[in-house]
Amino acid sequence: MAATPQIEILDFALSLAEEAGRLILPLWNHVTVQQKPDGSEVTEADRKAEELLRSRIAQRFPDHAILGEEFGGDAIRDAEDLWVLDPIDGTASFAIGLPLFGTLIGYVRRGEPSVGVVAAHALGETIWAATGQGCWLRRGGAAPERVHTLRVSDPSEAFAVATAFEHIDMDLRQPEPSFGLSRLYRKVCCFRWLGDCINYGFLCRGCIDIALDLVMNP
């Protein structure tokens, strides 16, 4: 089967992110938080947004597979065409009214990431990249601008951020921590705790040098 042109995939992913934002923003700070079996948070907005994204993808590309944060799809990770969705990355922030959340939409072709979108709805910003096309930022209705990461190579000059405190040797609740983050903490110029996908948006824009999430899942 011939591949769908990348520009068509990217345009569609951006439209998906925009539509998800129209659903999500009215529910911001107006939802009840529940706990999933893994201990992470979930809300009605997470589920409704992923249902919307899945529905739109199925209508446009019925042969494409989907792996989503809320409804899974593990059996099809090696699909020819795969969409990877997190309707609200940063649910804890979303639920208490912080603007540090976003919708993540990725497209993987034969196992290779091809398109990625981070839509920070409450901040009015969307960042996207596609293979060979560079990385771009759009603020509100302004024209997109090309963005770049920084070129810092010396840790003593680096600004680092991390999402979570768990599983590291700086967490006194962990008798056997998995990661020795304190070494990096002592080396870098500045270290802050921020949230989720927002960190990677800052990284793409060259605002920070290091973004860390120590425990990751597909």
N, C-alpha and C. Protein backbone atom coordinates (compact mmCIF):
# COMPACT_ATOMS: atom_id res chain seq x y z
N MET A 1 0.84 -1.19 0.00
CA MET A 1 0.00 0.00 0.00
C MET A 1 0.88 1.25 0.00
N ALA A 2 0.60 2.20 -0.86
CA ALA A 2 1.39 3.42 -0.95
C ALA A 2 1.21 4.25 0.31
N ALA A 3 2.29 4.89 0.72
CA ALA A 3 2.24 5.73 1.91
C ALA A 3 1.48 7.01 1.63
N THR A 4 0.72 7.49 2.62
CA THR A 4 0.06 8.77 2.51
C THR A 4 1.12 9.87 2.55
N PRO A 5 1.04 10.88 1.67
CA PRO A 5 2.04 11.95 1.70
C PRO A 5 2.18 12.56 3.09
N GLN A 6 3.43 12.82 3.47
CA GLN A 6 3.69 13.32 4.82
C GLN A 6 2.98 14.63 5.10
N ILE A 7 2.91 15.53 4.13
CA ILE A 7 2.27 16.82 4.35
C ILE A 7 0.79 16.64 4.67
N GLU A 8 0.17 15.64 4.05
CA GLU A 8 -1.24 15.36 4.34
C GLU A 8 -1.40 14.85 5.77
N ILE A 9 -0.50 13.98 6.19
CA ILE A 9 -0.53 13.47 7.56
C ILE A 9 -0.33 14.61 8.55
N LEU A 10 0.65 15.48 8.29
CA LEU A 10 0.93 16.60 9.20
C LEU A 10 -0.26 17.54 9.30
N ASP A 11 -0.82 17.92 8.17
CA ASP A 11 -1.98 18.83 8.19
C ASP A 11 -3.13 18.21 8.97
N PHE A 12 -3.34 16.91 8.78
CA PHE A 12 -4.42 16.23 9.49
C PHE A 12 -4.14 16.19 10.98
N ALA A 13 -2.89 15.90 11.36
CA ALA A 13 -2.53 15.86 12.79
C ALA A 13 -2.75 17.21 13.44
N LEU A 14 -2.41 18.29 12.76
CA LEU A 14 -2.63 19.62 13.31
C LEU A 14 -4.12 19.92 13.47
N SER A 15 -4.91 19.49 12.51
CA SER A 15 -6.36 19.70 12.63
C SER A 15 -6.94 18.87 13.77
N LEU A 16 -6.41 17.66 13.97
CA LEU A 16 -6.84 16.84 15.10
C LEU A 16 -6.55 17.53 16.43
N ALA A 17 -5.34 18.08 16.55
CA ALA A 17 -4.96 18.75 17.79
C ALA A 17 -5.86 19.95 18.06
N GLU A 18 -6.18 20.69 17.03
CA GLU A 18 -7.05 21.86 17.19
C GLU A 18 -8.45 21.45 17.63
N GLU A 19 -8.97 20.39 17.03
CA GLU A 19 -10.30 19.93 17.42
C GLU A 19 -10.31 19.40 18.84
N ALA A 20 -9.26 18.68 19.22
CA ALA A 20 -9.17 18.19 20.60
C ALA A 20 -9.16 19.35 21.59
N GLY A 21 -8.48 20.43 21.25
CA GLY A 21 -8.44 21.59 22.12
C GLY A 21 -9.81 22.21 22.33
N ARG A 22 -10.62 22.22 21.29
CA ARG A 22 -11.97 22.79 21.44
C ARG A 22 -12.83 21.97 22.39
N LEU A 23 -12.56 20.68 22.44
CA LEU A 23 -13.28 19.83 23.39
C LEU A 23 -12.72 19.96 24.80
N ILE A 24 -11.40 20.02 24.92
CA ILE A 24 -10.73 19.94 26.21
C ILE A 24 -10.85 21.23 27.02
N LEU A 25 -10.63 22.37 26.38
CA LEU A 25 -10.50 23.61 27.15
C LEU A 25 -11.73 23.96 28.00
N PRO A 26 -12.95 23.76 27.50
CA PRO A 26 -14.11 24.06 28.36
C PRO A 26 -14.17 23.18 29.62
N LEU A 27 -13.49 22.04 29.61
CA LEU A 27 -13.49 21.14 30.77
C LEU A 27 -12.31 21.39 31.70
N TRP A 28 -11.43 22.28 31.33
CA TRP A 28 -10.24 22.57 32.12
C TRP A 28 -10.62 23.04 33.53
N ASN A 29 -10.14 22.33 34.52
CA ASN A 29 -10.42 22.61 35.93
C ASN A 29 -11.89 22.40 36.29
N HIS A 30 -12.62 21.65 35.47
CA HIS A 30 -14.03 21.38 35.74
C HIS A 30 -14.34 19.89 35.61
N VAL A 31 -13.41 19.05 36.02
CA VAL A 31 -13.60 17.61 35.91
C VAL A 31 -13.19 16.94 37.21
N THR A 32 -13.72 15.73 37.39
CA THR A 32 -13.35 14.92 38.54
C THR A 32 -12.21 13.99 38.15
N VAL A 33 -11.20 13.91 39.01
CA VAL A 33 -10.05 13.07 38.73
C VAL A 33 -10.25 11.69 39.31
N GLN A 34 -9.96 10.67 38.50
CA GLN A 34 -9.99 9.29 38.95
C GLN A 34 -8.59 8.70 38.84
N GLN A 35 -8.35 7.60 39.52
CA GLN A 35 -7.07 6.93 39.48
C GLN A 35 -7.16 5.67 38.61
N LYS A 36 -6.20 5.53 37.70
CA LYS A 36 -6.11 4.31 36.90
C LYS A 36 -5.37 3.24 37.70
N PRO A 37 -5.41 2.00 37.24
CA PRO A 37 -4.73 0.92 37.98
C PRO A 37 -3.24 1.18 38.22
N ASP A 38 -2.59 1.94 37.32
CA ASP A 38 -1.16 2.21 37.49
C ASP A 38 -0.88 3.39 38.40
N GLY A 39 -1.95 3.99 38.95
CA GLY A 39 -1.80 5.10 39.87
C GLY A 39 -1.83 6.47 39.22
N SER A 40 -1.82 6.53 37.90
CA SER A 40 -1.86 7.82 37.21
C SER A 40 -3.30 8.34 37.15
N GLU A 41 -3.42 9.64 36.87
CA GLU A 41 -4.73 10.28 36.87
C GLU A 41 -5.41 10.16 35.51
N VAL A 42 -6.74 10.20 35.55
CA VAL A 42 -7.53 10.23 34.33
C VAL A 42 -8.81 10.99 34.61
N THR A 43 -9.33 11.67 33.59
CA THR A 43 -10.58 12.42 33.72
C THR A 43 -11.49 12.11 32.54
N GLU A 44 -12.71 12.60 32.66
CA GLU A 44 -13.66 12.47 31.56
C GLU A 44 -13.12 13.13 30.30
N ALA A 45 -12.38 14.22 30.47
CA ALA A 45 -11.84 14.94 29.31
C ALA A 45 -10.82 14.09 28.56
N ASP A 46 -9.98 13.36 29.31
CA ASP A 46 -9.01 12.46 28.66
C ASP A 46 -9.71 11.46 27.76
N ARG A 47 -10.72 10.83 28.31
CA ARG A 47 -11.40 9.76 27.57
C ARG A 47 -12.17 10.32 26.38
N LYS A 48 -12.89 11.42 26.59
CA LYS A 48 -13.67 12.00 25.49
C LYS A 48 -12.77 12.48 24.37
N ALA A 49 -11.64 13.07 24.73
CA ALA A 49 -10.73 13.58 23.70
C ALA A 49 -10.12 12.44 22.90
N GLU A 50 -9.75 11.35 23.58
CA GLU A 50 -9.17 10.24 22.82
C GLU A 50 -10.24 9.59 21.94
N GLU A 51 -11.46 9.48 22.43
CA GLU A 51 -12.54 8.94 21.59
C GLU A 51 -12.72 9.79 20.35
N LEU A 52 -12.66 11.11 20.50
CA LEU A 52 -12.79 12.01 19.36
C LEU A 52 -11.65 11.78 18.37
N LEU A 53 -10.42 11.74 18.86
CA LEU A 53 -9.27 11.55 17.98
C LEU A 53 -9.35 10.22 17.24
N ARG A 54 -9.70 9.16 17.97
CA ARG A 54 -9.82 7.84 17.33
C ARG A 54 -10.89 7.85 16.25
N SER A 55 -12.00 8.51 16.53
CA SER A 55 -13.09 8.55 15.56
C SER A 55 -12.66 9.27 14.28
N ARG A 56 -11.98 10.40 14.43
CA ARG A 56 -11.56 11.16 13.25
C ARG A 56 -10.52 10.39 12.42
N ILE A 57 -9.59 9.72 13.11
CA ILE A 57 -8.59 8.94 12.38
C ILE A 57 -9.24 7.78 11.64
N ALA A 58 -10.17 7.10 12.31
CA ALA A 58 -10.84 5.96 11.69
C ALA A 58 -11.64 6.39 10.45
N GLN A 59 -12.21 7.59 10.50
CA GLN A 59 -12.96 8.09 9.35
C GLN A 59 -12.03 8.41 8.18
N ARG A 60 -10.90 9.03 8.49
CA ARG A 60 -9.98 9.49 7.43
C ARG A 60 -9.07 8.38 6.93
N PHE A 61 -8.57 7.59 7.87
CA PHE A 61 -7.62 6.53 7.52
C PHE A 61 -8.06 5.22 8.18
N PRO A 62 -9.06 4.56 7.65
CA PRO A 62 -9.61 3.37 8.32
C PRO A 62 -8.62 2.22 8.44
N ASP A 63 -7.58 2.20 7.63
CA ASP A 63 -6.60 1.11 7.69
C ASP A 63 -5.47 1.39 8.68
N HIS A 64 -5.43 2.57 9.25
CA HIS A 64 -4.34 2.92 10.17
C HIS A 64 -4.64 2.40 11.58
N ALA A 65 -3.59 2.00 12.27
CA ALA A 65 -3.72 1.52 13.65
C ALA A 65 -3.55 2.69 14.62
N ILE A 66 -4.03 2.48 15.85
CA ILE A 66 -3.99 3.54 16.87
C ILE A 66 -3.53 2.94 18.19
N LEU A 67 -2.58 3.62 18.82
CA LEU A 67 -2.14 3.29 20.18
C LEU A 67 -2.40 4.52 21.04
N GLY A 68 -3.31 4.39 22.02
CA GLY A 68 -3.71 5.55 22.80
C GLY A 68 -3.49 5.36 24.29
N GLU A 69 -3.30 6.48 24.97
CA GLU A 69 -3.07 6.47 26.42
C GLU A 69 -4.21 5.83 27.18
N GLU A 70 -5.45 6.12 26.77
CA GLU A 70 -6.59 5.67 27.56
C GLU A 70 -7.18 4.34 27.10
N PHE A 71 -7.10 4.04 25.82
CA PHE A 71 -7.77 2.84 25.30
C PHE A 71 -6.82 1.85 24.64
N GLY A 72 -5.52 2.07 24.81
CA GLY A 72 -4.55 1.06 24.43
C GLY A 72 -4.39 0.84 22.95
N GLY A 73 -4.12 -0.41 22.60
CA GLY A 73 -3.82 -0.80 21.24
C GLY A 73 -2.46 -1.47 21.13
N ASP A 74 -2.00 -2.07 22.22
CA ASP A 74 -0.66 -2.63 22.28
C ASP A 74 -0.37 -3.64 21.19
N ALA A 75 -1.38 -4.38 20.75
CA ALA A 75 -1.15 -5.48 19.81
C ALA A 75 -0.75 -5.00 18.42
N ILE A 76 -0.90 -3.71 18.15
CA ILE A 76 -0.66 -3.23 16.79
C ILE A 76 0.49 -2.23 16.72
N ARG A 77 1.44 -2.31 17.64
CA ARG A 77 2.54 -1.35 17.64
C ARG A 77 3.41 -1.45 16.39
N ASP A 78 3.47 -2.61 15.75
CA ASP A 78 4.30 -2.79 14.57
C ASP A 78 3.53 -2.58 13.27
N ALA A 79 2.43 -1.87 13.36
CA ALA A 79 1.59 -1.66 12.18
C ALA A 79 2.31 -0.81 11.13
N GLU A 80 1.88 -0.96 9.89
CA GLU A 80 2.44 -0.17 8.79
C GLU A 80 2.28 1.32 9.04
N ASP A 81 1.08 1.71 9.46
CA ASP A 81 0.78 3.10 9.78
C ASP A 81 0.18 3.14 11.19
N LEU A 82 0.81 3.88 12.08
CA LEU A 82 0.38 3.88 13.48
C LEU A 82 0.30 5.30 14.02
N TRP A 83 -0.84 5.62 14.62
CA TRP A 83 -1.01 6.89 15.33
C TRP A 83 -0.84 6.63 16.83
N VAL A 84 -0.08 7.49 17.48
CA VAL A 84 0.17 7.38 18.91
C VAL A 84 -0.41 8.63 19.58
N LEU A 85 -1.33 8.41 20.53
CA LEU A 85 -2.12 9.52 21.08
C LEU A 85 -2.02 9.60 22.59
N ASP A 86 -1.87 10.80 23.10
CA ASP A 86 -2.11 11.09 24.51
C ASP A 86 -3.01 12.32 24.53
N PRO A 87 -4.30 12.14 24.80
CA PRO A 87 -5.24 13.26 24.66
C PRO A 87 -4.94 14.41 25.61
N ILE A 88 -4.53 14.09 26.84
CA ILE A 88 -4.11 15.14 27.78
C ILE A 88 -2.87 14.63 28.51
N ASP A 89 -1.73 15.13 28.12
CA ASP A 89 -0.50 14.84 28.84
C ASP A 89 -0.34 15.94 29.89
N GLY A 90 -0.32 15.53 31.16
CA GLY A 90 -0.34 16.50 32.24
C GLY A 90 -1.72 16.61 32.87
N THR A 91 -2.38 15.46 33.03
CA THR A 91 -3.75 15.44 33.57
C THR A 91 -3.82 16.05 34.96
N ALA A 92 -2.81 15.82 35.80
CA ALA A 92 -2.84 16.37 37.15
C ALA A 92 -2.89 17.90 37.10
N SER A 93 -2.09 18.51 36.25
CA SER A 93 -2.11 19.97 36.09
C SER A 93 -3.44 20.43 35.52
N PHE A 94 -3.92 19.71 34.52
CA PHE A 94 -5.21 20.04 33.89
C PHE A 94 -6.34 20.08 34.92
N ALA A 95 -6.36 19.11 35.79
CA ALA A 95 -7.47 18.97 36.73
C ALA A 95 -7.50 20.07 37.79
N ILE A 96 -6.34 20.65 38.13
CA ILE A 96 -6.32 21.68 39.18
C ILE A 96 -6.19 23.09 38.61
N GLY A 97 -6.27 23.22 37.29
CA GLY A 97 -6.31 24.54 36.69
C GLY A 97 -4.97 25.10 36.24
N LEU A 98 -3.90 24.32 36.30
CA LEU A 98 -2.62 24.78 35.78
C LEU A 98 -2.60 24.62 34.26
N PRO A 99 -1.94 25.52 33.54
CA PRO A 99 -1.93 25.44 32.07
C PRO A 99 -0.87 24.51 31.52
N LEU A 100 -0.26 23.68 32.35
CA LEU A 100 0.88 22.85 31.94
C LEU A 100 0.41 21.48 31.46
N PHE A 101 -0.34 21.46 30.38
CA PHE A 101 -0.82 20.22 29.80
C PHE A 101 -0.93 20.40 28.29
N GLY A 102 -1.07 19.28 27.59
CA GLY A 102 -1.21 19.38 26.15
C GLY A 102 -1.66 18.07 25.54
N THR A 103 -2.06 18.15 24.29
CA THR A 103 -2.43 16.97 23.51
C THR A 103 -1.24 16.55 22.66
N LEU A 104 -0.90 15.26 22.73
CA LEU A 104 0.22 14.71 21.96
C LEU A 104 -0.32 13.82 20.85
N ILE A 105 0.13 14.07 19.64
CA ILE A 105 -0.28 13.27 18.48
C ILE A 105 0.97 12.92 17.68
N GLY A 106 1.22 11.64 17.51
CA GLY A 106 2.35 11.19 16.72
C GLY A 106 1.91 10.23 15.64
N TYR A 107 2.66 10.21 14.56
CA TYR A 107 2.41 9.28 13.46
C TYR A 107 3.70 8.53 13.18
N VAL A 108 3.62 7.20 13.14
CA VAL A 108 4.77 6.33 12.95
C VAL A 108 4.54 5.50 11.67
N ARG A 109 5.49 5.56 10.77
CA ARG A 109 5.40 4.82 9.51
C ARG A 109 6.44 3.71 9.52
N ARG A 110 5.98 2.47 9.51
CA ARG A 110 6.86 1.30 9.52
C ARG A 110 7.90 1.38 10.64
N GLY A 111 7.44 1.77 11.81
CA GLY A 111 8.30 1.80 12.98
C GLY A 111 9.14 3.05 13.14
N GLU A 112 9.08 3.97 12.19
CA GLU A 112 9.88 5.19 12.25
C GLU A 112 8.98 6.40 12.51
N PRO A 113 9.22 7.15 13.61
CA PRO A 113 8.43 8.36 13.85
C PRO A 113 8.57 9.32 12.68
N SER A 114 7.44 9.84 12.23
CA SER A 114 7.43 10.69 11.04
C SER A 114 6.87 12.08 11.31
N VAL A 115 5.85 12.14 12.15
CA VAL A 115 5.18 13.42 12.47
C VAL A 115 4.88 13.46 13.96
N GLY A 116 5.08 14.62 14.57
CA GLY A 116 4.75 14.78 15.99
C GLY A 116 4.18 16.16 16.25
N VAL A 117 3.14 16.22 17.09
CA VAL A 117 2.49 17.48 17.44
C VAL A 117 2.32 17.56 18.95
N VAL A 118 2.65 18.70 19.53
CA VAL A 118 2.38 19.01 20.93
C VAL A 118 1.53 20.27 20.95
N ALA A 119 0.27 20.14 21.35
CA ALA A 119 -0.64 21.28 21.39
C ALA A 119 -0.90 21.66 22.84
N ALA A 120 -0.29 22.77 23.27
CA ALA A 120 -0.48 23.29 24.63
C ALA A 120 -1.65 24.25 24.60
N HIS A 121 -2.86 23.71 24.73
CA HIS A 121 -4.08 24.47 24.47
C HIS A 121 -4.22 25.70 25.36
N ALA A 122 -3.96 25.54 26.66
CA ALA A 122 -4.16 26.65 27.59
C ALA A 122 -3.15 27.77 27.37
N LEU A 123 -2.00 27.45 26.80
CA LEU A 123 -0.99 28.45 26.51
C LEU A 123 -1.17 29.05 25.11
N GLY A 124 -2.06 28.45 24.33
CA GLY A 124 -2.28 28.94 22.98
C GLY A 124 -1.11 28.68 22.05
N GLU A 125 -0.38 27.59 22.29
CA GLU A 125 0.81 27.29 21.49
C GLU A 125 0.76 25.86 20.96
N THR A 126 1.24 25.69 19.75
CA THR A 126 1.37 24.36 19.15
C THR A 126 2.76 24.23 18.54
N ILE A 127 3.43 23.13 18.87
CA ILE A 127 4.74 22.83 18.31
C ILE A 127 4.62 21.54 17.51
N TRP A 128 5.24 21.53 16.32
CA TRP A 128 5.19 20.30 15.54
C TRP A 128 6.49 20.12 14.76
N ALA A 129 6.71 18.87 14.39
CA ALA A 129 7.87 18.53 13.57
C ALA A 129 7.50 17.37 12.67
N ALA A 130 8.20 17.28 11.55
CA ALA A 130 8.05 16.17 10.62
C ALA A 130 9.42 15.87 10.04
N THR A 131 9.64 14.63 9.69
CA THR A 131 10.93 14.21 9.18
C THR A 131 11.36 15.07 8.00
N GLY A 132 12.53 15.68 8.14
CA GLY A 132 13.06 16.50 7.06
C GLY A 132 12.45 17.87 6.93
N GLN A 133 11.49 18.22 7.81
CA GLN A 133 10.78 19.49 7.70
C GLN A 133 11.11 20.47 8.82
N GLY A 134 11.95 20.06 9.77
CA GLY A 134 12.26 20.95 10.88
C GLY A 134 11.16 20.99 11.92
N CYS A 135 11.34 21.86 12.90
CA CYS A 135 10.39 22.00 14.01
C CYS A 135 9.84 23.42 14.00
N TRP A 136 8.53 23.53 14.27
CA TRP A 136 7.84 24.81 14.12
C TRP A 136 6.96 25.10 15.33
N LEU A 137 6.80 26.40 15.60
CA LEU A 137 5.96 26.87 16.71
C LEU A 137 4.94 27.86 16.17
N ARG A 138 3.69 27.68 16.61
CA ARG A 138 2.65 28.65 16.28
C ARG A 138 2.01 29.13 17.57
N ARG A 139 1.97 30.43 17.77
CA ARG A 139 1.32 31.04 18.92
C ARG A 139 0.02 31.67 18.47
N GLY A 140 -1.11 31.17 19.01
CA GLY A 140 -2.40 31.72 18.63
C GLY A 140 -2.60 31.65 17.13
N GLY A 141 -3.00 32.77 16.54
CA GLY A 141 -3.24 32.81 15.10
C GLY A 141 -2.06 33.34 14.31
N ALA A 142 -0.91 33.52 14.96
CA ALA A 142 0.26 34.06 14.28
C ALA A 142 0.83 33.04 13.30
N ALA A 143 1.65 33.54 12.39
CA ALA A 143 2.30 32.65 11.43
C ALA A 143 3.30 31.75 12.15
N PRO A 144 3.47 30.50 11.71
CA PRO A 144 4.44 29.60 12.34
C PRO A 144 5.86 30.15 12.22
N GLU A 145 6.68 29.87 13.23
CA GLU A 145 8.08 30.24 13.19
C GLU A 145 8.95 29.02 13.44
N ARG A 146 10.07 28.95 12.75
CA ARG A 146 10.99 27.82 12.91
C ARG A 146 11.69 27.93 14.26
N VAL A 147 11.80 26.83 14.97
CA VAL A 147 12.47 26.82 16.27
C VAL A 147 13.58 25.78 16.26
N HIS A 148 14.53 25.95 17.19
CA HIS A 148 15.69 25.07 17.25
C HIS A 148 16.06 24.82 18.70
N THR A 149 16.63 23.67 18.95
CA THR A 149 17.20 23.40 20.26
C THR A 149 18.51 24.18 20.41
N LEU A 150 18.96 24.29 21.65
CA LEU A 150 20.23 24.96 21.93
C LEU A 150 21.40 24.01 21.65
N ARG A 151 22.61 24.55 21.68
CA ARG A 151 23.79 23.75 21.37
C ARG A 151 24.75 23.73 22.55
N VAL A 152 24.22 23.63 23.75
CA VAL A 152 25.05 23.56 24.94
C VAL A 152 25.60 22.15 25.09
N SER A 153 26.91 22.04 25.29
CA SER A 153 27.53 20.72 25.47
C SER A 153 28.14 20.55 26.85
N ASP A 154 28.34 21.64 27.55
CA ASP A 154 28.93 21.59 28.89
C ASP A 154 27.80 21.58 29.92
N PRO A 155 27.68 20.52 30.73
CA PRO A 155 26.60 20.46 31.73
C PRO A 155 26.57 21.67 32.66
N SER A 156 27.71 22.27 32.93
CA SER A 156 27.74 23.41 33.85
C SER A 156 27.05 24.64 33.27
N GLU A 157 26.76 24.61 31.97
CA GLU A 157 26.05 25.72 31.33
C GLU A 157 24.60 25.37 31.03
N ALA A 158 24.16 24.19 31.43
CA ALA A 158 22.85 23.69 31.03
C ALA A 158 21.75 24.04 32.02
N PHE A 159 20.56 24.31 31.49
CA PHE A 159 19.33 24.49 32.26
C PHE A 159 18.53 23.20 32.08
N ALA A 160 18.28 22.49 33.18
CA ALA A 160 17.60 21.20 33.13
C ALA A 160 16.25 21.27 33.83
N VAL A 161 15.28 20.53 33.32
CA VAL A 161 13.99 20.39 34.00
C VAL A 161 13.60 18.92 34.01
N ALA A 162 12.79 18.55 34.98
CA ALA A 162 12.27 17.18 35.08
C ALA A 162 10.83 17.23 35.53
N THR A 163 10.07 16.21 35.16
CA THR A 163 8.66 16.18 35.49
C THR A 163 8.40 15.65 36.89
N ALA A 164 8.97 14.49 37.21
CA ALA A 164 8.59 13.80 38.45
C ALA A 164 9.77 13.62 39.38
N PHE A 165 9.46 13.49 40.65
CA PHE A 165 10.47 13.33 41.68
C PHE A 165 10.66 11.87 42.07
N GLU A 166 9.73 11.02 41.67
CA GLU A 166 9.76 9.62 42.07
C GLU A 166 10.93 8.87 41.42
N HIS A 167 11.35 7.81 42.09
CA HIS A 167 12.34 6.85 41.59
C HIS A 167 13.77 7.40 41.53
N ILE A 168 14.03 8.55 42.13
CA ILE A 168 15.38 9.10 42.07
C ILE A 168 16.00 9.14 43.47
N ASP A 169 17.32 9.30 43.51
CA ASP A 169 18.01 9.27 44.79
C ASP A 169 17.80 10.53 45.62
N MET A 170 17.06 11.51 45.10
CA MET A 170 16.71 12.71 45.86
C MET A 170 15.36 12.58 46.55
N ASP A 171 14.66 11.49 46.27
CA ASP A 171 13.36 11.22 46.89
C ASP A 171 13.59 10.37 48.14
N LEU A 172 13.39 10.96 49.30
CA LEU A 172 13.69 10.26 50.55
C LEU A 172 12.73 9.11 50.83
N ARG A 173 11.65 9.02 50.06
CA ARG A 173 10.71 7.92 50.25
C ARG A 173 11.16 6.65 49.54
N GLN A 174 12.21 6.77 48.71
CA GLN A 174 12.67 5.64 47.92
C GLN A 174 13.90 5.01 48.58
N PRO A 175 13.75 3.88 49.27
CA PRO A 175 14.92 3.25 49.90
C PRO A 175 15.93 2.70 48.89
N GLU A 176 15.44 2.33 47.70
CA GLU A 176 16.32 1.83 46.65
C GLU A 176 15.98 2.55 45.34
N PRO A 177 16.42 3.77 45.20
CA PRO A 177 16.08 4.55 44.00
C PRO A 177 16.66 3.94 42.74
N SER A 178 15.97 4.17 41.63
CA SER A 178 16.39 3.60 40.34
C SER A 178 17.36 4.51 39.60
N PHE A 179 17.36 5.81 39.90
CA PHE A 179 18.14 6.75 39.12
C PHE A 179 18.90 7.71 40.04
N GLY A 180 20.16 7.95 39.71
CA GLY A 180 20.99 8.85 40.49
C GLY A 180 20.99 10.25 39.92
N LEU A 181 19.88 10.94 40.03
CA LEU A 181 19.75 12.26 39.42
C LEU A 181 20.57 13.32 40.16
N SER A 182 20.95 13.06 41.39
CA SER A 182 21.66 14.07 42.17
C SER A 182 22.98 14.47 41.52
N ARG A 183 23.62 13.56 40.79
CA ARG A 183 24.88 13.89 40.12
C ARG A 183 24.65 14.97 39.07
N LEU A 184 23.61 14.80 38.26
CA LEU A 184 23.30 15.82 37.26
C LEU A 184 22.88 17.12 37.93
N TYR A 185 22.09 17.00 39.00
CA TYR A 185 21.62 18.18 39.72
C TYR A 185 22.79 19.05 40.18
N ARG A 186 23.86 18.42 40.63
CA ARG A 186 25.02 19.17 41.11
C ARG A 186 25.82 19.79 39.97
N LYS A 187 25.73 19.21 38.77
CA LYS A 187 26.56 19.66 37.67
C LYS A 187 25.96 20.82 36.87
N VAL A 188 24.64 20.83 36.73
CA VAL A 188 24.04 21.80 35.81
C VAL A 188 23.99 23.20 36.40
N CYS A 189 23.82 24.15 35.52
CA CYS A 189 23.74 25.55 35.93
C CYS A 189 22.45 25.83 36.71
N CYS A 190 21.35 25.22 36.25
CA CYS A 190 20.05 25.48 36.86
C CYS A 190 19.17 24.25 36.70
N PHE A 191 18.38 23.96 37.72
CA PHE A 191 17.50 22.79 37.67
C PHE A 191 16.13 23.19 38.23
N ARG A 192 15.07 22.86 37.50
CA ARG A 192 13.72 23.17 37.95
C ARG A 192 12.81 21.97 37.70
N TRP A 193 11.72 21.92 38.45
CA TRP A 193 10.69 20.89 38.25
C TRP A 193 9.52 21.52 37.53
N LEU A 194 9.26 21.07 36.33
CA LEU A 194 8.13 21.54 35.54
C LEU A 194 7.31 20.33 35.12
N GLY A 195 6.39 20.53 34.14
CA GLY A 195 5.46 19.46 33.91
C GLY A 195 5.34 18.91 32.51
N ASP A 196 5.59 17.62 32.37
CA ASP A 196 5.13 16.82 31.25
C ASP A 196 5.54 17.38 29.90
N CYS A 197 4.61 17.39 28.93
CA CYS A 197 4.98 17.75 27.56
C CYS A 197 5.44 19.19 27.43
N ILE A 198 5.05 20.06 28.36
CA ILE A 198 5.49 21.44 28.31
C ILE A 198 7.01 21.53 28.33
N ASN A 199 7.63 20.63 29.09
CA ASN A 199 9.10 20.62 29.14
C ASN A 199 9.71 20.43 27.76
N TYR A 200 9.13 19.54 26.98
CA TYR A 200 9.70 19.22 25.67
C TYR A 200 9.44 20.34 24.66
N GLY A 201 8.33 21.05 24.87
CA GLY A 201 8.11 22.25 24.07
C GLY A 201 9.18 23.30 24.32
N PHE A 202 9.53 23.50 25.60
CA PHE A 202 10.60 24.43 25.94
C PHE A 202 11.94 23.97 25.35
N LEU A 203 12.15 22.66 25.37
CA LEU A 203 13.39 22.11 24.81
C LEU A 203 13.48 22.38 23.31
N CYS A 204 12.40 22.12 22.59
CA CYS A 204 12.36 22.34 21.15
C CYS A 204 12.59 23.81 20.80
N ARG A 205 12.11 24.71 21.66
CA ARG A 205 12.21 26.14 21.39
C ARG A 205 13.54 26.73 21.83
N GLY A 206 14.39 25.93 22.47
CA GLY A 206 15.67 26.44 22.91
C GLY A 206 15.60 27.25 24.19
N CYS A 207 14.54 27.05 24.98
CA CYS A 207 14.44 27.75 26.26
C CYS A 207 15.22 27.04 27.36
N ILE A 208 15.35 25.72 27.24
CA ILE A 208 16.11 24.90 28.18
C ILE A 208 16.99 23.95 27.39
N ASP A 209 17.88 23.28 28.12
CA ASP A 209 18.85 22.39 27.48
C ASP A 209 18.56 20.91 27.69
N ILE A 210 17.92 20.56 28.81
CA ILE A 210 17.69 19.16 29.17
C ILE A 210 16.26 19.03 29.68
N ALA A 211 15.53 18.04 29.17
CA ALA A 211 14.20 17.69 29.69
C ALA A 211 14.22 16.21 30.05
N LEU A 212 13.79 15.89 31.26
CA LEU A 212 13.89 14.52 31.75
C LEU A 212 12.54 13.97 32.19
N ASP A 213 12.25 12.76 31.78
CA ASP A 213 11.22 11.92 32.38
C ASP A 213 11.88 10.58 32.58
N LEU A 214 12.05 10.20 33.83
CA LEU A 214 12.88 9.02 34.13
C LEU A 214 12.14 7.70 33.96
N VAL A 215 10.82 7.72 34.05
CA VAL A 215 10.03 6.50 33.85
C VAL A 215 9.06 6.76 32.72
N MET A 216 9.25 6.06 31.61
CA MET A 216 8.44 6.28 30.41
C MET A 216 7.79 4.98 29.97
N ASN A 217 6.64 5.13 29.34
CA ASN A 217 5.92 3.99 28.76
C ASN A 217 5.43 4.37 27.38
N PRO A 218 5.24 3.40 26.48
CA PRO A 218 4.72 3.72 25.14
C PRO A 218 3.37 4.44 25.24
